[in-house]
PDB file of all heavy atoms in Angstrom:
ATOM      1  N   LEU A   1     -80.412 -75.341  -1.769  1.00  0.00           N
ATOM      2  CA  LEU A   1     -80.630 -74.907  -3.142  1.00  0.00           C
ATOM      3  C   LEU A   1     -79.489 -74.032  -3.656  1.00  0.00           C
ATOM      4  O   LEU A   1     -79.083 -74.155  -4.813  1.00  0.00           O
ATOM      5  CB  LEU A   1     -81.970 -74.167  -3.239  1.00  0.00           C
ATOM      6  CG  LEU A   1     -82.500 -73.868  -4.628  1.00  0.00           C
ATOM      7  CD1 LEU A   1     -82.593 -75.121  -5.476  1.00  0.00           C
ATOM      8  CD2 LEU A   1     -83.868 -73.204  -4.522  1.00  0.00           C
ATOM      9  N   GLY A   2     -78.954 -73.150  -2.817  1.00  0.00           N
ATOM     10  CA  GLY A   2     -77.836 -72.303  -3.236  1.00  0.00           C
ATOM     11  C   GLY A   2     -76.623 -73.116  -3.634  1.00  0.00           C
ATOM     12  O   GLY A   2     -75.960 -72.826  -4.637  1.00  0.00           O
ATOM     13  N   ARG A   3     -76.339 -74.140  -2.878  1.00  0.00           N
ATOM     14  CA  ARG A   3     -75.226 -75.045  -3.191  1.00  0.00           C
ATOM     15  C   ARG A   3     -75.466 -75.726  -4.529  1.00  0.00           C
ATOM     16  O   ARG A   3     -74.586 -75.785  -5.381  1.00  0.00           O
ATOM     17  CB  ARG A   3     -75.078 -76.080  -2.081  1.00  0.00           C
ATOM     18  CG  ARG A   3     -73.981 -77.090  -2.315  1.00  0.00           C
ATOM     19  CD  ARG A   3     -73.941 -78.109  -1.139  1.00  0.00           C
ATOM     20  NE  ARG A   3     -72.970 -79.123  -1.391  1.00  0.00           N
ATOM     21  CZ  ARG A   3     -73.193 -80.207  -2.157  1.00  0.00           C
ATOM     22  NH1 ARG A   3     -74.373 -80.386  -2.727  1.00  0.00           N
ATOM     23  NH2 ARG A   3     -72.238 -81.092  -2.356  1.00  0.00           N
ATOM     24  N   ALA A   4     -76.671 -76.243  -4.723  1.00  0.00           N
ATOM     25  CA  ALA A   4     -77.007 -76.928  -5.972  1.00  0.00           C
ATOM     26  C   ALA A   4     -76.902 -75.986  -7.168  1.00  0.00           C
ATOM     27  O   ALA A   4     -76.400 -76.365  -8.233  1.00  0.00           O
ATOM     28  CB  ALA A   4     -78.412 -77.531  -5.881  1.00  0.00           C
ATOM     29  N   ILE A   5     -77.350 -74.762  -7.006  1.00  0.00           N
ATOM     30  CA  ILE A   5     -77.266 -73.774  -8.092  1.00  0.00           C
ATOM     31  C   ILE A   5     -75.812 -73.455  -8.395  1.00  0.00           C
ATOM     32  O   ILE A   5     -75.407 -73.395  -9.564  1.00  0.00           O
ATOM     33  CB  ILE A   5     -78.063 -72.506  -7.735  1.00  0.00           C
ATOM     34  CG1 ILE A   5     -79.558 -72.817  -7.717  1.00  0.00           C
ATOM     35  CG2 ILE A   5     -77.732 -71.364  -8.699  1.00  0.00           C
ATOM     36  CD1 ILE A   5     -80.412 -71.738  -7.096  1.00  0.00           C
ATOM     37  N   ALA A   6     -75.005 -73.248  -7.359  1.00  0.00           N
ATOM     38  CA  ALA A   6     -73.579 -72.949  -7.557  1.00  0.00           C
ATOM     39  C   ALA A   6     -72.885 -74.096  -8.291  1.00  0.00           C
ATOM     40  O   ALA A   6     -72.100 -73.868  -9.224  1.00  0.00           O
ATOM     41  CB  ALA A   6     -72.903 -72.683  -6.219  1.00  0.00           C
ATOM     42  N   LEU A   7     -73.166 -75.323  -7.893  1.00  0.00           N
ATOM     43  CA  LEU A   7     -72.568 -76.491  -8.555  1.00  0.00           C
ATOM     44  C   LEU A   7     -72.987 -76.567 -10.017  1.00  0.00           C
ATOM     45  O   LEU A   7     -72.168 -76.822 -10.908  1.00  0.00           O
ATOM     46  CB  LEU A   7     -72.947 -77.777  -7.822  1.00  0.00           C
ATOM     47  CG  LEU A   7     -72.358 -77.950  -6.424  1.00  0.00           C
ATOM     48  CD1 LEU A   7     -72.991 -79.157  -5.722  1.00  0.00           C
ATOM     49  CD2 LEU A   7     -70.852 -78.083  -6.467  1.00  0.00           C
ATOM     50  N   MET A   8     -74.266 -76.331 -10.306  1.00  0.00           N
ATOM     51  CA  MET A   8     -74.761 -76.369 -11.678  1.00  0.00           C
ATOM     52  C   MET A   8     -74.105 -75.282 -12.523  1.00  0.00           C
ATOM     53  O   MET A   8     -73.679 -75.539 -13.653  1.00  0.00           O
ATOM     54  CB  MET A   8     -76.284 -76.211 -11.690  1.00  0.00           C
ATOM     55  CG  MET A   8     -76.925 -76.291 -13.075  1.00  0.00           C
ATOM     56  SD  MET A   8     -76.986 -74.747 -14.040  1.00  0.00           S
ATOM     57  CE  MET A   8     -77.793 -73.613 -12.970  1.00  0.00           C
ATOM     58  N   LEU A   9     -73.994 -74.076 -11.984  1.00  0.00           N
ATOM     59  CA  LEU A   9     -73.348 -72.991 -12.731  1.00  0.00           C
ATOM     60  C   LEU A   9     -71.890 -73.331 -13.028  1.00  0.00           C
ATOM     61  O   LEU A   9     -71.405 -73.091 -14.130  1.00  0.00           O
ATOM     62  CB  LEU A   9     -73.450 -71.675 -11.960  1.00  0.00           C
ATOM     63  CG  LEU A   9     -74.839 -71.036 -11.901  1.00  0.00           C
ATOM     64  CD1 LEU A   9     -74.852 -69.888 -10.899  1.00  0.00           C
ATOM     65  CD2 LEU A   9     -75.286 -70.557 -13.275  1.00  0.00           C
ATOM     66  N   GLY A  10     -71.212 -73.906 -12.042  1.00  0.00           N
ATOM     67  CA  GLY A  10     -69.828 -74.328 -12.254  1.00  0.00           C
ATOM     68  C   GLY A  10     -69.713 -75.394 -13.324  1.00  0.00           C
ATOM     69  O   GLY A  10     -68.822 -75.347 -14.171  1.00  0.00           O
ATOM     70  N   GLU A  11     -70.635 -76.356 -13.311  1.00  0.00           N
ATOM     71  CA  GLU A  11     -70.643 -77.422 -14.329  1.00  0.00           C
ATOM     72  C   GLU A  11     -70.876 -76.859 -15.725  1.00  0.00           C
ATOM     73  O   GLU A  11     -70.387 -77.405 -16.710  1.00  0.00           O
ATOM     74  CB  GLU A  11     -71.724 -78.457 -14.013  1.00  0.00           C
ATOM     75  CG  GLU A  11     -71.412 -79.329 -12.832  1.00  0.00           C
ATOM     76  CD  GLU A  11     -72.593 -80.215 -12.438  1.00  0.00           C
ATOM     77  OE1 GLU A  11     -73.628 -80.230 -13.154  1.00  0.00           O
ATOM     78  OE2 GLU A  11     -72.485 -80.888 -11.396  1.00  0.00           O
ATOM     79  N   GLU A  12     -71.627 -75.766 -15.802  1.00  0.00           N
ATOM     80  CA  GLU A  12     -71.938 -75.155 -17.095  1.00  0.00           C
ATOM     81  C   GLU A  12     -70.852 -74.178 -17.552  1.00  0.00           C
ATOM     82  O   GLU A  12     -71.012 -73.522 -18.568  1.00  0.00           O
ATOM     83  CB  GLU A  12     -73.293 -74.448 -17.040  1.00  0.00           C
ATOM     84  CG  GLU A  12     -74.462 -75.404 -16.939  1.00  0.00           C
ATOM     85  CD  GLU A  12     -74.627 -76.278 -18.168  1.00  0.00           C
ATOM     86  OE1 GLU A  12     -74.327 -75.820 -19.281  1.00  0.00           O
ATOM     87  OE2 GLU A  12     -75.050 -77.439 -18.008  1.00  0.00           O
ATOM     88  N   GLY A  13     -69.762 -74.067 -16.772  1.00  0.00           N
ATOM     89  CA  GLY A  13     -68.624 -73.261 -17.198  1.00  0.00           C
ATOM     90  C   GLY A  13     -68.503 -71.890 -16.578  1.00  0.00           C
ATOM     91  O   GLY A  13     -67.546 -71.158 -16.866  1.00  0.00           O
ATOM     92  N   ALA A  14     -69.457 -71.498 -15.746  1.00  0.00           N
ATOM     93  CA  ALA A  14     -69.373 -70.182 -15.109  1.00  0.00           C
ATOM     94  C   ALA A  14     -68.281 -70.174 -14.040  1.00  0.00           C
ATOM     95  O   ALA A  14     -67.971 -71.201 -13.435  1.00  0.00           O
ATOM     96  CB  ALA A  14     -70.716 -69.811 -14.480  1.00  0.00           C
ATOM     97  N   VAL A  15     -67.719 -69.007 -13.815  1.00  0.00           N
ATOM     98  CA  VAL A  15     -66.834 -68.770 -12.681  1.00  0.00           C
ATOM     99  C   VAL A  15     -67.769 -68.341 -11.549  1.00  0.00           C
ATOM    100  O   VAL A  15     -68.515 -67.370 -11.700  1.00  0.00           O
ATOM    101  CB  VAL A  15     -65.813 -67.655 -12.990  1.00  0.00           C
ATOM    102  CG1 VAL A  15     -64.941 -67.390 -11.780  1.00  0.00           C
ATOM    103  CG2 VAL A  15     -64.984 -68.007 -14.211  1.00  0.00           C
ATOM    104  N   VAL A  16     -67.746 -69.063 -10.435  1.00  0.00           N
ATOM    105  CA  VAL A  16     -68.765 -68.872  -9.404  1.00  0.00           C
ATOM    106  C   VAL A  16     -68.167 -68.333  -8.105  1.00  0.00           C
ATOM    107  O   VAL A  16     -67.287 -68.958  -7.513  1.00  0.00           O
ATOM    108  CB  VAL A  16     -69.511 -70.194  -9.112  1.00  0.00           C
ATOM    109  CG1 VAL A  16     -70.661 -69.946  -8.142  1.00  0.00           C
ATOM    110  CG2 VAL A  16     -70.022 -70.834 -10.390  1.00  0.00           C
ATOM    111  N   ALA A  17     -68.688 -67.189  -7.672  1.00  0.00           N
ATOM    112  CA  ALA A  17     -68.402 -66.690  -6.337  1.00  0.00           C
ATOM    113  C   ALA A  17     -69.478 -67.264  -5.430  1.00  0.00           C
ATOM    114  O   ALA A  17     -70.656 -66.945  -5.580  1.00  0.00           O
ATOM    115  CB  ALA A  17     -68.441 -65.163  -6.307  1.00  0.00           C
ATOM    116  N   VAL A  18     -69.069 -68.173  -4.530  1.00  0.00           N
ATOM    117  CA  VAL A  18     -70.013 -68.789  -3.603  1.00  0.00           C
ATOM    118  C   VAL A  18     -69.997 -67.953  -2.327  1.00  0.00           C
ATOM    119  O   VAL A  18     -68.980 -67.816  -1.672  1.00  0.00           O
ATOM    120  CB  VAL A  18     -69.705 -70.285  -3.354  1.00  0.00           C
ATOM    121  CG1 VAL A  18     -70.006 -71.094  -4.594  1.00  0.00           C
ATOM    122  CG2 VAL A  18     -68.273 -70.521  -2.946  1.00  0.00           C
ATOM    123  N   VAL A  19     -71.146 -67.366  -2.015  1.00  0.00           N
ATOM    124  CA  VAL A  19     -71.247 -66.381  -0.936  1.00  0.00           C
ATOM    125  C   VAL A  19     -72.132 -66.904   0.182  1.00  0.00           C
ATOM    126  O   VAL A  19     -73.180 -67.509  -0.073  1.00  0.00           O
ATOM    127  CB  VAL A  19     -71.822 -65.050  -1.474  1.00  0.00           C
ATOM    128  CG1 VAL A  19     -71.972 -64.026  -0.360  1.00  0.00           C
ATOM    129  CG2 VAL A  19     -70.952 -64.504  -2.594  1.00  0.00           C
ATOM    130  N   GLY A  20     -71.710 -66.662   1.403  1.00  0.00           N
ATOM    131  CA  GLY A  20     -72.495 -67.032   2.572  1.00  0.00           C
ATOM    132  C   GLY A  20     -71.777 -66.600   3.831  1.00  0.00           C
ATOM    133  O   GLY A  20     -70.788 -65.872   3.781  1.00  0.00           O
ATOM    134  N   ARG A  21     -72.258 -67.084   4.960  1.00  0.00           N
ATOM    135  CA  ARG A  21     -71.680 -66.682   6.246  1.00  0.00           C
ATOM    136  C   ARG A  21     -70.773 -67.729   6.862  1.00  0.00           C
ATOM    137  O   ARG A  21     -70.027 -67.425   7.774  1.00  0.00           O
ATOM    138  CB  ARG A  21     -72.798 -66.343   7.238  1.00  0.00           C
ATOM    139  CG  ARG A  21     -73.544 -65.082   6.866  1.00  0.00           C
ATOM    140  CD  ARG A  21     -74.617 -64.730   7.866  1.00  0.00           C
ATOM    141  NE  ARG A  21     -75.585 -65.825   7.946  1.00  0.00           N
ATOM    142  CZ  ARG A  21     -76.155 -66.234   9.072  1.00  0.00           C
ATOM    143  NH1 ARG A  21     -75.887 -65.644  10.210  1.00  0.00           N
ATOM    144  NH2 ARG A  21     -77.011 -67.226   9.065  1.00  0.00           N
ATOM    145  N   THR A  22     -70.830 -68.974   6.361  1.00  0.00           N
ATOM    146  CA  THR A  22     -70.054 -70.051   6.973  1.00  0.00           C
ATOM    147  C   THR A  22     -68.900 -70.434   6.055  1.00  0.00           C
ATOM    148  O   THR A  22     -69.101 -71.130   5.049  1.00  0.00           O
ATOM    149  CB  THR A  22     -70.953 -71.277   7.261  1.00  0.00           C
ATOM    150  OG1 THR A  22     -72.095 -70.839   7.989  1.00  0.00           O
ATOM    151  CG2 THR A  22     -70.198 -72.323   8.058  1.00  0.00           C
ATOM    152  N   THR A  23     -67.708 -69.998   6.400  1.00  0.00           N
ATOM    153  CA  THR A  23     -66.531 -70.181   5.552  1.00  0.00           C
ATOM    154  C   THR A  23     -66.288 -71.640   5.191  1.00  0.00           C
ATOM    155  O   THR A  23     -66.032 -71.952   4.023  1.00  0.00           O
ATOM    156  CB  THR A  23     -65.285 -69.586   6.240  1.00  0.00           C
ATOM    157  OG1 THR A  23     -65.556 -68.204   6.538  1.00  0.00           O
ATOM    158  CG2 THR A  23     -64.065 -69.682   5.370  1.00  0.00           C
ATOM    159  N   SER A  24     -66.377 -72.533   6.155  1.00  0.00           N
ATOM    160  CA  SER A  24     -66.073 -73.943   5.881  1.00  0.00           C
ATOM    161  C   SER A  24     -67.026 -74.537   4.840  1.00  0.00           C
ATOM    162  O   SER A  24     -66.607 -75.298   3.966  1.00  0.00           O
ATOM    163  CB  SER A  24     -66.097 -74.766   7.162  1.00  0.00           C
ATOM    164  OG  SER A  24     -67.384 -74.720   7.760  1.00  0.00           O
ATOM    165  N   LYS A  25     -68.304 -74.195   4.903  1.00  0.00           N
ATOM    166  CA  LYS A  25     -69.270 -74.694   3.919  1.00  0.00           C
ATOM    167  C   LYS A  25     -68.958 -74.131   2.528  1.00  0.00           C
ATOM    168  O   LYS A  25     -69.041 -74.841   1.527  1.00  0.00           O
ATOM    169  CB  LYS A  25     -70.690 -74.326   4.321  1.00  0.00           C
ATOM    170  CG  LYS A  25     -71.214 -75.092   5.512  1.00  0.00           C
ATOM    171  CD  LYS A  25     -72.637 -74.668   5.834  1.00  0.00           C
ATOM    172  CE  LYS A  25     -73.159 -75.384   7.053  1.00  0.00           C
ATOM    173  NZ  LYS A  25     -74.533 -74.972   7.367  1.00  0.00           N
ATOM    174  N   LEU A  26     -68.626 -72.853   2.473  1.00  0.00           N
ATOM    175  CA  LEU A  26     -68.323 -72.212   1.191  1.00  0.00           C
ATOM    176  C   LEU A  26     -67.068 -72.802   0.569  1.00  0.00           C
ATOM    177  O   LEU A  26     -67.013 -73.038  -0.645  1.00  0.00           O
ATOM    178  CB  LEU A  26     -68.166 -70.707   1.378  1.00  0.00           C
ATOM    179  CG  LEU A  26     -69.394 -69.973   1.912  1.00  0.00           C
ATOM    180  CD1 LEU A  26     -69.048 -68.522   2.211  1.00  0.00           C
ATOM    181  CD2 LEU A  26     -70.553 -70.088   0.956  1.00  0.00           C
ATOM    182  N   GLU A  27     -66.056 -73.040   1.404  1.00  0.00           N
ATOM    183  CA  GLU A  27     -64.817 -73.652   0.912  1.00  0.00           C
ATOM    184  C   GLU A  27     -65.091 -75.044   0.352  1.00  0.00           C
ATOM    185  O   GLU A  27     -64.524 -75.436  -0.666  1.00  0.00           O
ATOM    186  CB  GLU A  27     -63.776 -73.713   2.017  1.00  0.00           C
ATOM    187  CG  GLU A  27     -63.209 -72.348   2.359  1.00  0.00           C
ATOM    188  CD  GLU A  27     -62.306 -72.357   3.595  1.00  0.00           C
ATOM    189  OE1 GLU A  27     -62.304 -73.359   4.354  1.00  0.00           O
ATOM    190  OE2 GLU A  27     -61.612 -71.347   3.802  1.00  0.00           O
ATOM    191  N   SER A  28     -65.980 -75.783   0.988  1.00  0.00           N
ATOM    192  CA  SER A  28     -66.336 -77.123   0.525  1.00  0.00           C
ATOM    193  C   SER A  28     -67.015 -77.061  -0.839  1.00  0.00           C
ATOM    194  O   SER A  28     -66.699 -77.850  -1.739  1.00  0.00           O
ATOM    195  CB  SER A  28     -67.249 -77.794   1.554  1.00  0.00           C
ATOM    196  OG  SER A  28     -67.706 -79.029   1.075  1.00  0.00           O
ATOM    197  N   VAL A  29     -67.955 -76.134  -1.019  1.00  0.00           N
ATOM    198  CA  VAL A  29     -68.656 -75.999  -2.298  1.00  0.00           C
ATOM    199  C   VAL A  29     -67.670 -75.564  -3.382  1.00  0.00           C
ATOM    200  O   VAL A  29     -67.667 -76.113  -4.487  1.00  0.00           O
ATOM    201  CB  VAL A  29     -69.827 -75.003  -2.187  1.00  0.00           C
ATOM    202  CG1 VAL A  29     -70.451 -74.735  -3.550  1.00  0.00           C
ATOM    203  CG2 VAL A  29     -70.876 -75.524  -1.220  1.00  0.00           C
ATOM    204  N   ALA A  30     -66.824 -74.585  -3.065  1.00  0.00           N
ATOM    205  CA  ALA A  30     -65.834 -74.114  -4.048  1.00  0.00           C
ATOM    206  C   ALA A  30     -64.891 -75.247  -4.442  1.00  0.00           C
ATOM    207  O   ALA A  30     -64.553 -75.408  -5.622  1.00  0.00           O
ATOM    208  CB  ALA A  30     -65.056 -72.930  -3.483  1.00  0.00           C
ATOM    209  N   ALA A  31     -64.472 -76.043  -3.477  1.00  0.00           N
ATOM    210  CA  ALA A  31     -63.582 -77.173  -3.770  1.00  0.00           C
ATOM    211  C   ALA A  31     -64.284 -78.198  -4.656  1.00  0.00           C
ATOM    212  O   ALA A  31     -63.676 -78.746  -5.585  1.00  0.00           O
ATOM    213  CB  ALA A  31     -63.122 -77.835  -2.471  1.00  0.00           C
ATOM    214  N   GLU A  32     -65.549 -78.437  -4.406  1.00  0.00           N
ATOM    215  CA  GLU A  32     -66.311 -79.396  -5.217  1.00  0.00           C
ATOM    216  C   GLU A  32     -66.417 -78.911  -6.666  1.00  0.00           C
ATOM    217  O   GLU A  32     -66.274 -79.697  -7.612  1.00  0.00           O
ATOM    218  CB  GLU A  32     -67.697 -79.594  -4.606  1.00  0.00           C
ATOM    219  CG  GLU A  32     -68.390 -80.834  -5.092  1.00  0.00           C
ATOM    220  CD  GLU A  32     -69.660 -81.150  -4.306  1.00  0.00           C
ATOM    221  OE1 GLU A  32     -69.812 -80.675  -3.167  1.00  0.00           O
ATOM    222  OE2 GLU A  32     -70.490 -81.892  -4.854  1.00  0.00           O
ATOM    223  N   ILE A  33     -66.651 -77.623  -6.841  1.00  0.00           N
ATOM    224  CA  ILE A  33     -66.725 -77.057  -8.195  1.00  0.00           C
ATOM    225  C   ILE A  33     -65.372 -77.176  -8.873  1.00  0.00           C
ATOM    226  O   ILE A  33     -65.275 -77.586 -10.037  1.00  0.00           O
ATOM    227  CB  ILE A  33     -67.203 -75.592  -8.144  1.00  0.00           C
ATOM    228  CG1 ILE A  33     -68.662 -75.531  -7.692  1.00  0.00           C
ATOM    229  CG2 ILE A  33     -67.011 -74.911  -9.505  1.00  0.00           C
ATOM    230  CD1 ILE A  33     -69.155 -74.125  -7.362  1.00  0.00           C
ATOM    231  N   THR A  34     -64.317 -76.855  -8.158  1.00  0.00           N
ATOM    232  CA  THR A  34     -62.959 -76.914  -8.706  1.00  0.00           C
ATOM    233  C   THR A  34     -62.574 -78.343  -9.070  1.00  0.00           C
ATOM    234  O   THR A  34     -61.988 -78.591 -10.128  1.00  0.00           O
ATOM    235  CB  THR A  34     -61.952 -76.302  -7.707  1.00  0.00           C
ATOM    236  OG1 THR A  34     -62.355 -74.950  -7.438  1.00  0.00           O
ATOM    237  CG2 THR A  34     -60.555 -76.298  -8.260  1.00  0.00           C
ATOM    238  N   GLN A  35     -62.896 -79.292  -8.204  1.00  0.00           N
ATOM    239  CA  GLN A  35     -62.587 -80.699  -8.471  1.00  0.00           C
ATOM    240  C   GLN A  35     -63.300 -81.215  -9.716  1.00  0.00           C
ATOM    241  O   GLN A  35     -62.810 -82.108 -10.403  1.00  0.00           O
ATOM    242  CB  GLN A  35     -62.947 -81.568  -7.264  1.00  0.00           C
ATOM    243  CG  GLN A  35     -62.008 -81.381  -6.102  1.00  0.00           C
ATOM    244  CD  GLN A  35     -62.519 -82.040  -4.825  1.00  0.00           C
ATOM    245  OE1 GLN A  35     -63.604 -82.607  -4.785  1.00  0.00           O
ATOM    246  NE2 GLN A  35     -61.725 -81.939  -3.770  1.00  0.00           N
ATOM    247  N   ALA A  36     -64.455 -80.624 -10.015  1.00  0.00           N
ATOM    248  CA  ALA A  36     -65.218 -81.025 -11.198  1.00  0.00           C
ATOM    249  C   ALA A  36     -64.725 -80.298 -12.454  1.00  0.00           C
ATOM    250  O   ALA A  36     -65.310 -80.449 -13.522  1.00  0.00           O
ATOM    251  CB  ALA A  36     -66.700 -80.759 -10.981  1.00  0.00           C
ATOM    252  N   GLY A  37     -63.658 -79.500 -12.307  1.00  0.00           N
ATOM    253  CA  GLY A  37     -63.091 -78.803 -13.459  1.00  0.00           C
ATOM    254  C   GLY A  37     -63.567 -77.372 -13.610  1.00  0.00           C
ATOM    255  O   GLY A  37     -63.199 -76.692 -14.568  1.00  0.00           O
ATOM    256  N   GLY A  38     -64.377 -76.896 -12.691  1.00  0.00           N
ATOM    257  CA  GLY A  38     -64.875 -75.523 -12.753  1.00  0.00           C
ATOM    258  C   GLY A  38     -63.982 -74.567 -11.983  1.00  0.00           C
ATOM    259  O   GLY A  38     -62.936 -74.949 -11.460  1.00  0.00           O
ATOM    260  N   ARG A  39     -64.430 -73.323 -11.911  1.00  0.00           N
ATOM    261  CA  ARG A  39     -63.699 -72.298 -11.171  1.00  0.00           C
ATOM    262  C   ARG A  39     -64.649 -71.628 -10.191  1.00  0.00           C
ATOM    263  O   ARG A  39     -65.744 -71.220 -10.566  1.00  0.00           O
ATOM    264  CB  ARG A  39     -63.112 -71.262 -12.129  1.00  0.00           C
ATOM    265  CG  ARG A  39     -62.011 -71.854 -13.006  1.00  0.00           C
ATOM    266  CD  ARG A  39     -61.489 -70.850 -13.994  1.00  0.00           C
ATOM    267  NE  ARG A  39     -62.541 -70.634 -15.001  1.00  0.00           N
ATOM    268  CZ  ARG A  39     -62.561 -69.606 -15.833  1.00  0.00           C
ATOM    269  NH1 ARG A  39     -61.630 -68.679 -15.779  1.00  0.00           N
ATOM    270  NH2 ARG A  39     -63.534 -69.485 -16.727  1.00  0.00           N
ATOM    271  N   ALA A  40     -64.203 -71.553  -8.944  1.00  0.00           N
ATOM    272  CA  ALA A  40     -65.028 -70.959  -7.900  1.00  0.00           C
ATOM    273  C   ALA A  40     -64.145 -70.464  -6.777  1.00  0.00           C
ATOM    274  O   ALA A  40     -63.015 -70.929  -6.623  1.00  0.00           O
ATOM    275  CB  ALA A  40     -66.023 -71.986  -7.359  1.00  0.00           C
ATOM    276  N   TRP A  41     -64.674 -69.536  -6.020  1.00  0.00           N
ATOM    277  CA  TRP A  41     -63.983 -69.132  -4.813  1.00  0.00           C
ATOM    278  C   TRP A  41     -65.010 -68.692  -3.781  1.00  0.00           C
ATOM    279  O   TRP A  41     -66.054 -68.162  -4.123  1.00  0.00           O
ATOM    280  CB  TRP A  41     -62.919 -68.068  -5.084  1.00  0.00           C
ATOM    281  CG  TRP A  41     -63.382 -66.663  -5.191  1.00  0.00           C
ATOM    282  CD1 TRP A  41     -63.329 -65.709  -4.216  1.00  0.00           C
ATOM    283  CD2 TRP A  41     -63.979 -66.023  -6.324  1.00  0.00           C
ATOM    284  NE1 TRP A  41     -63.839 -64.529  -4.683  1.00  0.00           N
ATOM    285  CE2 TRP A  41     -64.248 -64.694  -5.965  1.00  0.00           C
ATOM    286  CE3 TRP A  41     -64.318 -66.442  -7.601  1.00  0.00           C
ATOM    287  CZ2 TRP A  41     -64.839 -63.783  -6.834  1.00  0.00           C
ATOM    288  CZ3 TRP A  41     -64.904 -65.550  -8.465  1.00  0.00           C
ATOM    289  CH2 TRP A  41     -65.149 -64.241  -8.083  1.00  0.00           C
ATOM    290  N   PRO A  42     -64.711 -68.980  -2.511  1.00  0.00           N
ATOM    291  CA  PRO A  42     -65.651 -68.630  -1.442  1.00  0.00           C
ATOM    292  C   PRO A  42     -65.469 -67.186  -1.002  1.00  0.00           C
ATOM    293  O   PRO A  42     -64.343 -66.691  -0.928  1.00  0.00           O
ATOM    294  CB  PRO A  42     -65.266 -69.592  -0.320  1.00  0.00           C
ATOM    295  CG  PRO A  42     -63.808 -69.855  -0.537  1.00  0.00           C
ATOM    296  CD  PRO A  42     -63.586 -69.773  -2.024  1.00  0.00           C
ATOM    297  N   ILE A  43     -66.568 -66.526  -0.730  1.00  0.00           N
ATOM    298  CA  ILE A  43     -66.544 -65.179  -0.167  1.00  0.00           C
ATOM    299  C   ILE A  43     -67.492 -65.160   1.018  1.00  0.00           C
ATOM    300  O   ILE A  43     -68.696 -65.372   0.866  1.00  0.00           O
ATOM    301  CB  ILE A  43     -66.963 -64.107  -1.183  1.00  0.00           C
ATOM    302  CG1 ILE A  43     -66.064 -64.136  -2.419  1.00  0.00           C
ATOM    303  CG2 ILE A  43     -66.940 -62.731  -0.533  1.00  0.00           C
ATOM    304  CD1 ILE A  43     -66.475 -63.160  -3.504  1.00  0.00           C
ATOM    305  N   THR A  44     -66.947 -64.918   2.180  1.00  0.00           N
ATOM    306  CA  THR A  44     -67.769 -64.843   3.387  1.00  0.00           C
ATOM    307  C   THR A  44     -68.302 -63.422   3.529  1.00  0.00           C
ATOM    308  O   THR A  44     -67.527 -62.463   3.509  1.00  0.00           O
ATOM    309  CB  THR A  44     -66.947 -65.228   4.628  1.00  0.00           C
ATOM    310  OG1 THR A  44     -66.391 -66.536   4.424  1.00  0.00           O
ATOM    311  CG2 THR A  44     -67.806 -65.245   5.873  1.00  0.00           C
TER     312      THR A  44
END
């Protein structure tokens, strides 16, 4: 659900700090948001 919420916020134009404990997963979500034209960065 956190991933889905982050993606939706990115699609709606928000700058999203994706936070969690697993860097690789966060980097993947941030990259997906960025590829869709949004802005995001992972924070472990």
